Amino acid sequence: MTETRLSFKEMCAKFDVTPRTLRYYEYIELLAPEKEGRARFYGPREVARMKLILRGRRFGFSLEEIRQWLLIYGKKGERPQLQAWLDLADRQLVDLQKQRAELDTTIADLQALRETAVEEMSRLPDA
């Protein structure tokens, strides 16, 4: 791998994504690799964007939300982009906390049902 540019194959390997995923990110304008003939090369800007895309996906943001957020920097600068990020993060934190509460309730319900089943089994005669 070169220090300044990654080939298509190297980019896939570095981020453990499929070629289809990488081509799709390019198609929806999340990434804009340099093209030389049919070859694609990804510089530091694209590597940084890919890190942000994958982090955003891990946090539960849609690709469109990530795309819009990345566009803000080019159009309005860093401060509006950071404000947009804070707004997205605040919204997502509320959603994730709600999901965690629902998951905690589901786990507690399943544990209680399991304990009930264990008690029922202990009352049954051995087979």
C-alpha atoms as a PDB file:
ATOM      1  CA  MET A   1       0.000   0.000   0.000  1.00  0.00           C
ATOM      2  CA  THR A   2       1.229   3.450  -0.803  1.00  0.00           C
ATOM      3  CA  GLU A   3       1.363   6.131   1.860  1.00  0.00           C
ATOM      4  CA  THR A   4      -0.591   8.774  -0.035  1.00  0.00           C
ATOM      5  CA  ARG A   5      -3.008   6.822  -2.213  1.00  0.00           C
ATOM      6  CA  LEU A   6      -4.797   3.512  -1.909  1.00  0.00           C
ATOM      7  CA  SER A   7      -5.991   1.441  -4.829  1.00  0.00           C
ATOM      8  CA  PHE A   8      -9.577   0.230  -4.959  1.00  0.00           C
ATOM      9  CA  LYS A   9      -8.515  -3.194  -3.670  1.00  0.00           C
ATOM     10  CA  GLU A  10      -6.383  -1.675  -0.878  1.00  0.00           C
ATOM     11  CA  MET A  11      -9.266   0.556   0.201  1.00  0.00           C
ATOM     12  CA  CYS A  12     -11.599  -2.439   0.424  1.00  0.00           C
ATOM     13  CA  ALA A  13      -9.041  -4.354   2.477  1.00  0.00           C
ATOM     14  CA  LYS A  14      -8.203  -1.429   4.767  1.00  0.00           C
ATOM     15  CA  PHE A  15     -11.836  -0.890   5.737  1.00  0.00           C
ATOM     16  CA  ASP A  16     -13.054  -4.470   5.361  1.00  0.00           C
ATOM     17  CA  VAL A  17     -15.792  -3.515   2.903  1.00  0.00           C
ATOM     18  CA  THR A  18     -16.904  -5.198  -0.278  1.00  0.00           C
ATOM     19  CA  PRO A  19     -16.157  -3.742  -3.699  1.00  0.00           C
ATOM     20  CA  ARG A  20     -19.905  -3.301  -4.121  1.00  0.00           C
ATOM     21  CA  THR A  21     -20.062  -1.150  -0.964  1.00  0.00           C
ATOM     22  CA  LEU A  22     -17.168   1.011  -2.078  1.00  0.00           C
ATOM     23  CA  ARG A  23     -18.687   1.505  -5.539  1.00  0.00           C
ATOM     24  CA  TYR A  24     -22.041   2.358  -3.945  1.00  0.00           C
ATOM     25  CA  TYR A  25     -20.471   4.990  -1.677  1.00  0.00           C
ATOM     26  CA  GLU A  26     -18.947   6.512  -4.784  1.00  0.00           C
ATOM     27  CA  TYR A  27     -22.274   6.337  -6.646  1.00  0.00           C
ATOM     28  CA  ILE A  28     -24.129   8.216  -3.889  1.00  0.00           C
ATOM     29  CA  GLU A  29     -21.307  10.763  -3.745  1.00  0.00           C
ATOM     30  CA  LEU A  30     -19.933   9.924  -0.319  1.00  0.00           C
ATOM     31  CA  LEU A  31     -16.535   9.265  -1.885  1.00  0.00           C
ATOM     32  CA  ALA A  32     -14.856  10.777  -4.923  1.00  0.00           C
ATOM     33  CA  PRO A  33     -11.689   8.834  -5.749  1.00  0.00           C
ATOM     34  CA  GLU A  34      -9.153   9.998  -8.291  1.00  0.00           C
ATOM     35  CA  LYS A  35      -9.564   8.121 -11.548  1.00  0.00           C
ATOM     36  CA  GLU A  36      -6.818   7.135 -13.924  1.00  0.00           C
ATOM     37  CA  GLY A  37      -8.403   5.279 -16.778  1.00  0.00           C
ATOM     38  CA  ARG A  38     -10.511   2.613 -15.108  1.00  0.00           C
ATOM     39  CA  ALA A  39      -8.418   2.589 -11.931  1.00  0.00           C
ATOM     40  CA  ARG A  40      -9.565   4.382  -8.798  1.00  0.00           C
ATOM     41  CA  PHE A  41      -7.235   5.799  -6.154  1.00  0.00           C
ATOM     42  CA  TYR A  42      -8.176   7.034  -2.709  1.00  0.00           C
ATOM     43  CA  GLY A  43      -6.149   9.784  -1.077  1.00  0.00           C
ATOM     44  CA  PRO A  44      -6.080  10.995   2.538  1.00  0.00           C
ATOM     45  CA  ARG A  45      -9.350  12.934   2.102  1.00  0.00           C
ATOM     46  CA  GLU A  46     -11.229   9.832   0.960  1.00  0.00           C
ATOM     47  CA  VAL A  47      -9.671   7.692   3.689  1.00  0.00           C
ATOM     48  CA  ALA A  48     -10.791  10.238   6.310  1.00  0.00           C
ATOM     49  CA  ARG A  49     -14.285  10.365   4.794  1.00  0.00           C
ATOM     50  CA  MET A  50     -14.487   6.568   4.825  1.00  0.00           C
ATOM     51  CA  LYS A  51     -13.616   6.541   8.527  1.00  0.00           C
ATOM     52  CA  LEU A  52     -16.401   9.064   9.162  1.00  0.00           C
ATOM     53  CA  ILE A  53     -18.875   7.083   7.047  1.00  0.00           C
ATOM     54  CA  LEU A  54     -18.201   3.820   8.869  1.00  0.00           C
ATOM     55  CA  ARG A  55     -18.293   5.511  12.264  1.00  0.00           C
ATOM     56  CA  GLY A  56     -21.571   7.197  11.348  1.00  0.00           C
ATOM     57  CA  ARG A  57     -23.055   3.862  10.264  1.00  0.00           C
ATOM     58  CA  ARG A  58     -21.945   2.288  13.540  1.00  0.00           C
ATOM     59  CA  PHE A  59     -23.744   5.065  15.410  1.00  0.00           C
ATOM     60  CA  GLY A  60     -26.913   4.365  13.424  1.00  0.00           C
ATOM     61  CA  PHE A  61     -26.958   7.289  11.009  1.00  0.00           C
ATOM     62  CA  SER A  62     -28.369   6.757   7.533  1.00  0.00           C
ATOM     63  CA  LEU A  63     -26.108   7.139   4.532  1.00  0.00           C
ATOM     64  CA  GLU A  64     -28.160  10.146   3.453  1.00  0.00           C
ATOM     65  CA  GLU A  65     -27.647  11.827   6.836  1.00  0.00           C
ATOM     66  CA  ILE A  66     -23.917  11.193   6.544  1.00  0.00           C
ATOM     67  CA  ARG A  67     -23.871  12.502   2.970  1.00  0.00           C
ATOM     68  CA  GLN A  68     -25.718  15.688   3.927  1.00  0.00           C
ATOM     69  CA  TRP A  69     -23.418  16.220   6.905  1.00  0.00           C
ATOM     70  CA  LEU A  70     -20.294  15.808   4.754  1.00  0.00           C
ATOM     71  CA  LEU A  71     -21.683  18.265   2.188  1.00  0.00           C
ATOM     72  CA  ILE A  72     -22.045  21.002   4.814  1.00  0.00           C
ATOM     73  CA  TYR A  73     -18.283  21.337   5.232  1.00  0.00           C
ATOM     74  CA  GLY A  74     -17.735  22.082   1.549  1.00  0.00           C
ATOM     75  CA  LYS A  75     -20.614  24.534   1.355  1.00  0.00           C
ATOM     76  CA  LYS A  76     -20.665  26.288   4.725  1.00  0.00           C
ATOM     77  CA  GLY A  77     -17.474  25.443   6.588  1.00  0.00           C
ATOM     78  CA  GLU A  78     -16.450  23.794   9.820  1.00  0.00           C
ATOM     79  CA  ARG A  79     -18.668  25.576  12.381  1.00  0.00           C
ATOM     80  CA  PRO A  80     -21.986  24.747  10.628  1.00  0.00           C
ATOM     81  CA  GLN A  81     -20.759  21.209  10.062  1.00  0.00           C
ATOM     82  CA  LEU A  82     -19.952  20.788  13.753  1.00  0.00           C
ATOM     83  CA  GLN A  83     -23.338  22.229  14.727  1.00  0.00           C
ATOM     84  CA  ALA A  84     -25.071  19.814  12.360  1.00  0.00           C
ATOM     85  CA  TRP A  85     -23.040  16.988  13.909  1.00  0.00           C
ATOM     86  CA  LEU A  86     -24.120  18.018  17.402  1.00  0.00           C
ATOM     87  CA  ASP A  87     -27.765  18.066  16.303  1.00  0.00           C
ATOM     88  CA  LEU A  88     -27.456  14.608  14.728  1.00  0.00           C
ATOM     89  CA  ALA A  89     -25.594  13.236  17.750  1.00  0.00           C
ATOM     90  CA  ASP A  90     -28.165  14.617  20.211  1.00  0.00           C
ATOM     91  CA  ARG A  91     -31.016  13.057  18.248  1.00  0.00           C
ATOM     92  CA  GLN A  92     -29.228   9.734  17.900  1.00  0.00           C
ATOM     93  CA  LEU A  93     -28.313   9.618  21.587  1.00  0.00           C
ATOM     94  CA  VAL A  94     -31.996   9.954  22.494  1.00  0.00           C
ATOM     95  CA  ASP A  95     -32.872   7.135  20.061  1.00  0.00           C
ATOM     96  CA  LEU A  96     -30.094   4.873  21.352  1.00  0.00           C
ATOM     97  CA  GLN A  97     -31.043   5.483  24.991  1.00  0.00           C
ATOM     98  CA  LYS A  98     -34.645   4.583  24.144  1.00  0.00           C
ATOM     99  CA  GLN A  99     -33.457   1.399  22.420  1.00  0.00           C
ATOM    100  CA  ARG A 100     -31.321   0.525  25.448  1.00  0.00           C
ATOM    101  CA  ALA A 101     -34.278   1.013  27.793  1.00  0.00           C
ATOM    102  CA  GLU A 102     -36.431  -1.211  25.573  1.00  0.00           C
ATOM    103  CA  LEU A 103     -33.686  -3.823  25.457  1.00  0.00           C
ATOM    104  CA  ASP A 104     -33.259  -3.719  29.251  1.00  0.00           C
ATOM    105  CA  THR A 105     -37.012  -4.292  29.637  1.00  0.00           C
ATOM    106  CA  THR A 106     -36.958  -7.174  27.159  1.00  0.00           C
ATOM    107  CA  ILE A 107     -33.993  -8.795  28.927  1.00  0.00           C
ATOM    108  CA  ALA A 108     -35.702  -8.468  32.319  1.00  0.00           C
ATOM    109  CA  ASP A 109     -38.917  -9.990  30.912  1.00  0.00           C
ATOM    110  CA  LEU A 110     -37.035 -12.898  29.361  1.00  0.00           C
ATOM    111  CA  GLN A 111     -35.082 -13.532  32.574  1.00  0.00           C
ATOM    112  CA  ALA A 112     -38.317 -13.553  34.591  1.00  0.00           C
ATOM    113  CA  LEU A 113     -39.969 -15.940  32.127  1.00  0.00           C
ATOM    114  CA  ARG A 114     -36.923 -18.199  32.248  1.00  0.00           C
ATOM    115  CA  GLU A 115     -37.004 -18.251  36.071  1.00  0.00           C
ATOM    116  CA  THR A 116     -40.695 -19.152  35.936  1.00  0.00           C
ATOM    117  CA  ALA A 117     -39.897 -22.034  33.579  1.00  0.00           C
ATOM    118  CA  VAL A 118     -37.144 -23.266  35.914  1.00  0.00           C
ATOM    119  CA  GLU A 119     -39.588 -23.202  38.853  1.00  0.00           C
ATOM    120  CA  GLU A 120     -42.217 -25.072  36.831  1.00  0.00           C
ATOM    121  CA  MET A 121     -39.663 -27.704  35.833  1.00  0.00           C
ATOM    122  CA  SER A 122     -38.624 -28.217  39.446  1.00  0.00           C
ATOM    123  CA  ARG A 123     -42.243 -29.078  40.350  1.00  0.00           C
ATOM    124  CA  LEU A 124     -42.598 -31.667  37.629  1.00  0.00           C
ATOM    125  CA  PRO A 125     -41.754 -35.301  38.378  1.00  0.00           C
ATOM    126  CA  ASP A 126     -38.513 -36.573  36.876  1.00  0.00           C
ATOM    127  CA  ALA A 127     -39.060 -38.457  33.647  1.00  0.00           C
END
